[in-house]
Amino acid sequence: MRRPVLILGLVAVLVLAAGCIGLVGPDPKVVQDSATRDISLSKGLVYNVNAEIQNDGSDGDVTVTARLIDEEKGFTRDQVSVQVFIPSGETKQVSLTLDGDVGRTYRHSVKVE
């Protein structure tokens, strides 16, 4: 009877320890983001989105997605995703380019998974 309780207790401790040291995968968050407008001869209006992503979990791949949203109509004009590897406890700068239309007003958003 003591043996199953001991094994169950050890399993519980290992599961808690794994969660505490980040063995369950990356835990990314956007620390900071910004966007600048630019005119490209080949593409027209472009937004250069820069984001600083911090990983509070274990090493792993993280998907960063930037969206350009039309302020007046609320629809997504452009969306770009990139997958980056971020070691545990580190931050990484990610840059993405989104296409817009001249004469429209946009806002950007950045999310990580």
N, C-alpha and C. Protein backbone atom coordinates (compact mmCIF):
# COMPACT_ATOMS: atom_id res chain seq x y z
N MET A 1 0.82 -1.20 0.00
CA MET A 1 0.00 0.00 0.00
C MET A 1 0.86 1.26 0.00
N ARG A 2 2.00 1.24 0.67
CA ARG A 2 2.89 2.40 0.72
C ARG A 2 3.53 2.68 -0.64
N ARG A 3 3.82 1.62 -1.37
CA ARG A 3 4.53 1.77 -2.64
C ARG A 3 3.72 2.59 -3.67
N PRO A 4 2.42 2.33 -3.91
CA PRO A 4 1.66 3.13 -4.87
C PRO A 4 1.58 4.60 -4.45
N VAL A 5 1.46 4.87 -3.17
CA VAL A 5 1.39 6.26 -2.69
C VAL A 5 2.72 6.96 -2.94
N LEU A 6 3.83 6.26 -2.69
CA LEU A 6 5.16 6.82 -2.92
C LEU A 6 5.38 7.13 -4.40
N ILE A 7 4.99 6.20 -5.27
CA ILE A 7 5.15 6.40 -6.71
C ILE A 7 4.28 7.56 -7.18
N LEU A 8 3.05 7.61 -6.71
CA LEU A 8 2.15 8.70 -7.08
C LEU A 8 2.70 10.04 -6.61
N GLY A 9 3.28 10.07 -5.43
CA GLY A 9 3.89 11.30 -4.91
C GLY A 9 5.07 11.74 -5.74
N LEU A 10 5.91 10.78 -6.16
CA LEU A 10 7.06 11.11 -7.00
C LEU A 10 6.63 11.64 -8.36
N VAL A 11 5.60 11.05 -8.94
CA VAL A 11 5.09 11.52 -10.23
C VAL A 11 4.58 12.95 -10.10
N ALA A 12 3.86 13.25 -9.03
CA ALA A 12 3.34 14.60 -8.81
C ALA A 12 4.48 15.61 -8.69
N VAL A 13 5.52 15.25 -7.96
CA VAL A 13 6.67 16.15 -7.79
C VAL A 13 7.37 16.39 -9.13
N LEU A 14 7.53 15.33 -9.93
CA LEU A 14 8.17 15.48 -11.24
C LEU A 14 7.36 16.36 -12.18
N VAL A 15 6.05 16.22 -12.16
CA VAL A 15 5.19 17.04 -13.01
C VAL A 15 5.28 18.51 -12.59
N LEU A 16 5.26 18.77 -11.30
CA LEU A 16 5.38 20.15 -10.82
C LEU A 16 6.74 20.74 -11.17
N ALA A 17 7.79 19.95 -10.98
CA ALA A 17 9.14 20.42 -11.30
C ALA A 17 9.28 20.70 -12.79
N ALA A 18 8.71 19.87 -13.63
CA ALA A 18 8.79 20.07 -15.08
C ALA A 18 8.11 21.38 -15.46
N GLY A 19 6.98 21.67 -14.86
CA GLY A 19 6.28 22.92 -15.13
C GLY A 19 7.06 24.13 -14.65
N CYS A 20 7.72 24.02 -13.53
CA CYS A 20 8.48 25.14 -12.97
C CYS A 20 9.73 25.46 -13.78
N ILE A 21 10.38 24.47 -14.34
CA ILE A 21 11.61 24.75 -15.08
C ILE A 21 11.36 24.86 -16.58
N GLY A 22 10.10 24.88 -16.98
CA GLY A 22 9.78 25.16 -18.37
C GLY A 22 9.91 23.99 -19.32
N LEU A 23 9.76 22.79 -18.87
CA LEU A 23 9.87 21.64 -19.76
C LEU A 23 8.62 21.42 -20.60
N VAL A 24 7.62 22.23 -20.39
CA VAL A 24 6.37 22.05 -21.12
C VAL A 24 6.33 22.83 -22.43
N GLY A 25 7.41 23.47 -22.80
CA GLY A 25 7.47 24.20 -24.06
C GLY A 25 7.71 25.68 -23.85
N PRO A 26 7.85 26.41 -24.95
CA PRO A 26 8.08 27.85 -24.84
C PRO A 26 6.87 28.58 -24.25
N ASP A 27 7.13 29.70 -23.62
CA ASP A 27 6.08 30.56 -23.07
C ASP A 27 6.37 31.99 -23.55
N PRO A 28 6.04 32.28 -24.82
CA PRO A 28 6.42 33.57 -25.39
C PRO A 28 5.46 34.70 -25.03
N LYS A 29 6.00 35.92 -25.01
CA LYS A 29 5.16 37.10 -24.86
C LYS A 29 5.80 38.26 -25.61
N VAL A 30 4.95 39.16 -26.10
CA VAL A 30 5.43 40.35 -26.79
C VAL A 30 5.79 41.37 -25.74
N VAL A 31 7.06 41.76 -25.68
CA VAL A 31 7.53 42.73 -24.71
C VAL A 31 7.31 44.14 -25.25
N GLN A 32 7.55 44.30 -26.55
CA GLN A 32 7.44 45.62 -27.16
C GLN A 32 7.25 45.44 -28.66
N ASP A 33 6.45 46.34 -29.28
CA ASP A 33 6.33 46.30 -30.73
C ASP A 33 6.10 47.71 -31.27
N SER A 34 6.47 47.91 -32.52
CA SER A 34 6.29 49.20 -33.18
C SER A 34 6.16 48.97 -34.68
N ALA A 35 5.63 49.99 -35.37
CA ALA A 35 5.51 49.91 -36.83
C ALA A 35 5.85 51.27 -37.42
N THR A 36 6.56 51.24 -38.55
CA THR A 36 6.86 52.47 -39.27
C THR A 36 6.37 52.33 -40.70
N ARG A 37 5.84 53.43 -41.24
CA ARG A 37 5.35 53.45 -42.62
C ARG A 37 6.47 53.83 -43.55
N ASP A 38 6.43 53.26 -44.74
CA ASP A 38 7.43 53.58 -45.75
C ASP A 38 6.79 53.40 -47.12
N ILE A 39 7.34 54.06 -48.09
CA ILE A 39 6.87 53.91 -49.47
C ILE A 39 7.92 53.13 -50.25
N SER A 40 7.48 52.07 -50.89
CA SER A 40 8.36 51.26 -51.72
C SER A 40 7.95 51.44 -53.18
N LEU A 41 8.91 51.65 -54.06
CA LEU A 41 8.58 51.82 -55.48
C LEU A 41 7.93 50.57 -56.06
N SER A 42 8.33 49.40 -55.57
CA SER A 42 7.79 48.16 -56.11
C SER A 42 6.48 47.73 -55.45
N LYS A 43 6.29 48.07 -54.16
CA LYS A 43 5.12 47.57 -53.42
C LYS A 43 4.13 48.67 -53.03
N GLY A 44 4.53 49.92 -53.08
CA GLY A 44 3.66 50.99 -52.63
C GLY A 44 3.86 51.22 -51.13
N LEU A 45 2.77 51.34 -50.40
CA LEU A 45 2.84 51.59 -48.96
C LEU A 45 3.16 50.31 -48.20
N VAL A 46 4.20 50.33 -47.39
CA VAL A 46 4.55 49.16 -46.56
C VAL A 46 4.72 49.61 -45.12
N TYR A 47 4.43 48.70 -44.21
CA TYR A 47 4.64 48.91 -42.78
C TYR A 47 5.71 47.91 -42.32
N ASN A 48 6.76 48.44 -41.73
CA ASN A 48 7.80 47.59 -41.15
C ASN A 48 7.49 47.44 -39.67
N VAL A 49 7.14 46.22 -39.27
CA VAL A 49 6.76 45.93 -37.89
C VAL A 49 7.93 45.25 -37.19
N ASN A 50 8.32 45.81 -36.04
CA ASN A 50 9.39 45.24 -35.22
C ASN A 50 8.80 44.84 -33.88
N ALA A 51 9.16 43.65 -33.43
CA ALA A 51 8.65 43.15 -32.15
C ALA A 51 9.78 42.51 -31.36
N GLU A 52 9.75 42.72 -30.06
CA GLU A 52 10.68 42.05 -29.15
C GLU A 52 9.90 40.97 -28.43
N ILE A 53 10.32 39.72 -28.62
CA ILE A 53 9.61 38.57 -28.07
C ILE A 53 10.47 37.93 -26.97
N GLN A 54 9.87 37.72 -25.82
CA GLN A 54 10.57 37.10 -24.67
C GLN A 54 10.00 35.71 -24.44
N ASN A 55 10.90 34.75 -24.18
CA ASN A 55 10.47 33.38 -23.91
C ASN A 55 10.73 33.05 -22.44
N ASP A 56 9.65 32.93 -21.67
CA ASP A 56 9.76 32.58 -20.25
C ASP A 56 9.63 31.08 -20.01
N GLY A 57 9.52 30.28 -21.07
CA GLY A 57 9.42 28.83 -20.95
C GLY A 57 10.71 28.16 -21.37
N SER A 58 10.61 26.95 -21.87
CA SER A 58 11.80 26.22 -22.32
C SER A 58 12.14 26.61 -23.76
N ASP A 59 13.31 26.19 -24.22
CA ASP A 59 13.73 26.45 -25.61
C ASP A 59 12.66 25.95 -26.56
N GLY A 60 12.46 26.66 -27.67
CA GLY A 60 11.53 26.15 -28.65
C GLY A 60 11.19 27.13 -29.74
N ASP A 61 10.44 26.62 -30.73
CA ASP A 61 9.97 27.44 -31.84
C ASP A 61 8.72 28.20 -31.43
N VAL A 62 8.65 29.44 -31.87
CA VAL A 62 7.55 30.34 -31.55
C VAL A 62 7.05 30.94 -32.87
N THR A 63 5.74 31.02 -33.03
CA THR A 63 5.18 31.66 -34.22
C THR A 63 4.78 33.09 -33.88
N VAL A 64 5.34 34.04 -34.64
CA VAL A 64 5.04 35.46 -34.47
C VAL A 64 4.19 35.88 -35.65
N THR A 65 3.04 36.49 -35.37
CA THR A 65 2.12 36.92 -36.42
C THR A 65 1.85 38.41 -36.28
N ALA A 66 2.05 39.15 -37.37
CA ALA A 66 1.74 40.58 -37.42
C ALA A 66 0.57 40.78 -38.37
N ARG A 67 -0.34 41.66 -37.96
CA ARG A 67 -1.51 41.97 -38.79
C ARG A 67 -1.59 43.47 -39.02
N LEU A 68 -2.04 43.86 -40.20
CA LEU A 68 -2.30 45.26 -40.52
C LEU A 68 -3.81 45.39 -40.66
N ILE A 69 -4.42 46.19 -39.79
CA ILE A 69 -5.88 46.27 -39.70
C ILE A 69 -6.35 47.64 -40.17
N ASP A 70 -7.30 47.66 -41.09
CA ASP A 70 -7.89 48.90 -41.58
C ASP A 70 -8.69 49.53 -40.45
N GLU A 71 -8.31 50.76 -40.06
CA GLU A 71 -8.97 51.41 -38.92
C GLU A 71 -10.44 51.73 -39.19
N GLU A 72 -10.76 52.14 -40.40
CA GLU A 72 -12.14 52.54 -40.72
C GLU A 72 -13.07 51.35 -40.84
N LYS A 73 -12.64 50.31 -41.55
CA LYS A 73 -13.52 49.19 -41.84
C LYS A 73 -13.30 47.98 -40.94
N GLY A 74 -12.15 47.92 -40.24
CA GLY A 74 -11.92 46.86 -39.27
C GLY A 74 -11.42 45.54 -39.83
N PHE A 75 -11.18 45.45 -41.14
CA PHE A 75 -10.74 44.18 -41.71
C PHE A 75 -9.21 44.11 -41.72
N THR A 76 -8.69 42.89 -41.79
CA THR A 76 -7.25 42.68 -41.87
C THR A 76 -6.81 42.87 -43.31
N ARG A 77 -5.97 43.88 -43.55
CA ARG A 77 -5.46 44.18 -44.91
C ARG A 77 -4.35 43.22 -45.29
N ASP A 78 -3.45 42.91 -44.32
CA ASP A 78 -2.35 41.99 -44.59
C ASP A 78 -1.98 41.29 -43.28
N GLN A 79 -1.47 40.09 -43.43
CA GLN A 79 -1.04 39.30 -42.26
C GLN A 79 0.17 38.46 -42.67
N VAL A 80 1.19 38.47 -41.81
CA VAL A 80 2.41 37.71 -42.07
C VAL A 80 2.82 36.99 -40.79
N SER A 81 3.23 35.73 -40.92
CA SER A 81 3.72 34.94 -39.79
C SER A 81 5.10 34.42 -40.08
N VAL A 82 5.89 34.28 -39.03
CA VAL A 82 7.22 33.70 -39.14
C VAL A 82 7.46 32.85 -37.89
N GLN A 83 8.17 31.76 -38.08
CA GLN A 83 8.52 30.89 -36.95
C GLN A 83 9.98 31.13 -36.60
N VAL A 84 10.25 31.39 -35.31
CA VAL A 84 11.61 31.64 -34.85
C VAL A 84 11.90 30.76 -33.63
N PHE A 85 13.16 30.39 -33.48
CA PHE A 85 13.59 29.62 -32.31
C PHE A 85 14.08 30.61 -31.26
N ILE A 86 13.56 30.49 -30.03
CA ILE A 86 13.98 31.36 -28.93
C ILE A 86 14.39 30.47 -27.75
N PRO A 87 15.65 30.57 -27.32
CA PRO A 87 16.10 29.81 -26.15
C PRO A 87 15.37 30.28 -24.89
N SER A 88 15.34 29.43 -23.90
CA SER A 88 14.70 29.73 -22.62
C SER A 88 15.31 30.98 -21.98
N GLY A 89 14.44 31.88 -21.51
CA GLY A 89 14.89 33.07 -20.81
C GLY A 89 15.46 34.16 -21.69
N GLU A 90 15.41 33.99 -23.00
CA GLU A 90 16.01 34.97 -23.92
C GLU A 90 14.92 35.78 -24.62
N THR A 91 15.35 36.89 -25.22
CA THR A 91 14.46 37.69 -26.05
C THR A 91 15.04 37.73 -27.46
N LYS A 92 14.15 37.96 -28.42
CA LYS A 92 14.59 38.01 -29.82
C LYS A 92 13.82 39.13 -30.52
N GLN A 93 14.54 39.86 -31.37
CA GLN A 93 13.93 40.89 -32.21
C GLN A 93 13.43 40.23 -33.50
N VAL A 94 12.19 40.52 -33.86
CA VAL A 94 11.60 39.97 -35.08
C VAL A 94 11.08 41.14 -35.90
N SER A 95 11.38 41.12 -37.20
CA SER A 95 10.92 42.17 -38.12
C SER A 95 10.08 41.54 -39.23
N LEU A 96 8.94 42.15 -39.50
CA LEU A 96 8.03 41.68 -40.55
C LEU A 96 7.58 42.87 -41.38
N THR A 97 7.28 42.64 -42.64
CA THR A 97 6.81 43.71 -43.53
C THR A 97 5.39 43.40 -43.99
N LEU A 98 4.52 44.40 -43.83
CA LEU A 98 3.12 44.28 -44.23
C LEU A 98 2.80 45.29 -45.31
N ASP A 99 1.93 44.92 -46.26
CA ASP A 99 1.55 45.80 -47.36
C ASP A 99 0.23 46.50 -47.05
N GLY A 100 0.20 47.81 -47.34
CA GLY A 100 -1.01 48.60 -47.16
C GLY A 100 -1.38 49.31 -48.45
N ASP A 101 -2.46 50.09 -48.40
CA ASP A 101 -2.90 50.89 -49.54
C ASP A 101 -2.74 52.36 -49.18
N VAL A 102 -2.23 53.14 -50.12
CA VAL A 102 -2.09 54.58 -49.92
C VAL A 102 -3.49 55.18 -49.72
N GLY A 103 -3.60 56.10 -48.77
CA GLY A 103 -4.88 56.76 -48.53
C GLY A 103 -5.72 56.09 -47.45
N ARG A 104 -5.27 54.98 -46.89
CA ARG A 104 -6.00 54.29 -45.82
C ARG A 104 -5.24 54.47 -44.51
N THR A 105 -5.94 54.35 -43.40
CA THR A 105 -5.33 54.43 -42.07
C THR A 105 -5.36 53.06 -41.45
N TYR A 106 -4.22 52.62 -40.92
CA TYR A 106 -4.10 51.28 -40.37
C TYR A 106 -3.55 51.30 -38.95
N ARG A 107 -3.82 50.23 -38.25
CA ARG A 107 -3.14 49.93 -36.98
C ARG A 107 -2.58 48.54 -37.11
N HIS A 108 -1.58 48.23 -36.33
CA HIS A 108 -0.97 46.90 -36.41
C HIS A 108 -1.20 46.15 -35.10
N SER A 109 -1.06 44.84 -35.18
CA SER A 109 -1.09 44.01 -33.97
C SER A 109 -0.06 42.89 -34.14
N VAL A 110 0.48 42.45 -33.02
CA VAL A 110 1.46 41.36 -33.02
C VAL A 110 1.02 40.36 -31.97
N LYS A 111 1.01 39.07 -32.34
CA LYS A 111 0.70 38.03 -31.36
C LYS A 111 1.72 36.89 -31.52
N VAL A 112 1.90 36.15 -30.43
CA VAL A 112 2.83 35.04 -30.44
C VAL A 112 2.14 33.77 -29.92
N GLU A 113 2.58 32.64 -30.46
CA GLU A 113 2.05 31.34 -30.03
C GLU A 113 3.19 30.37 -29.92
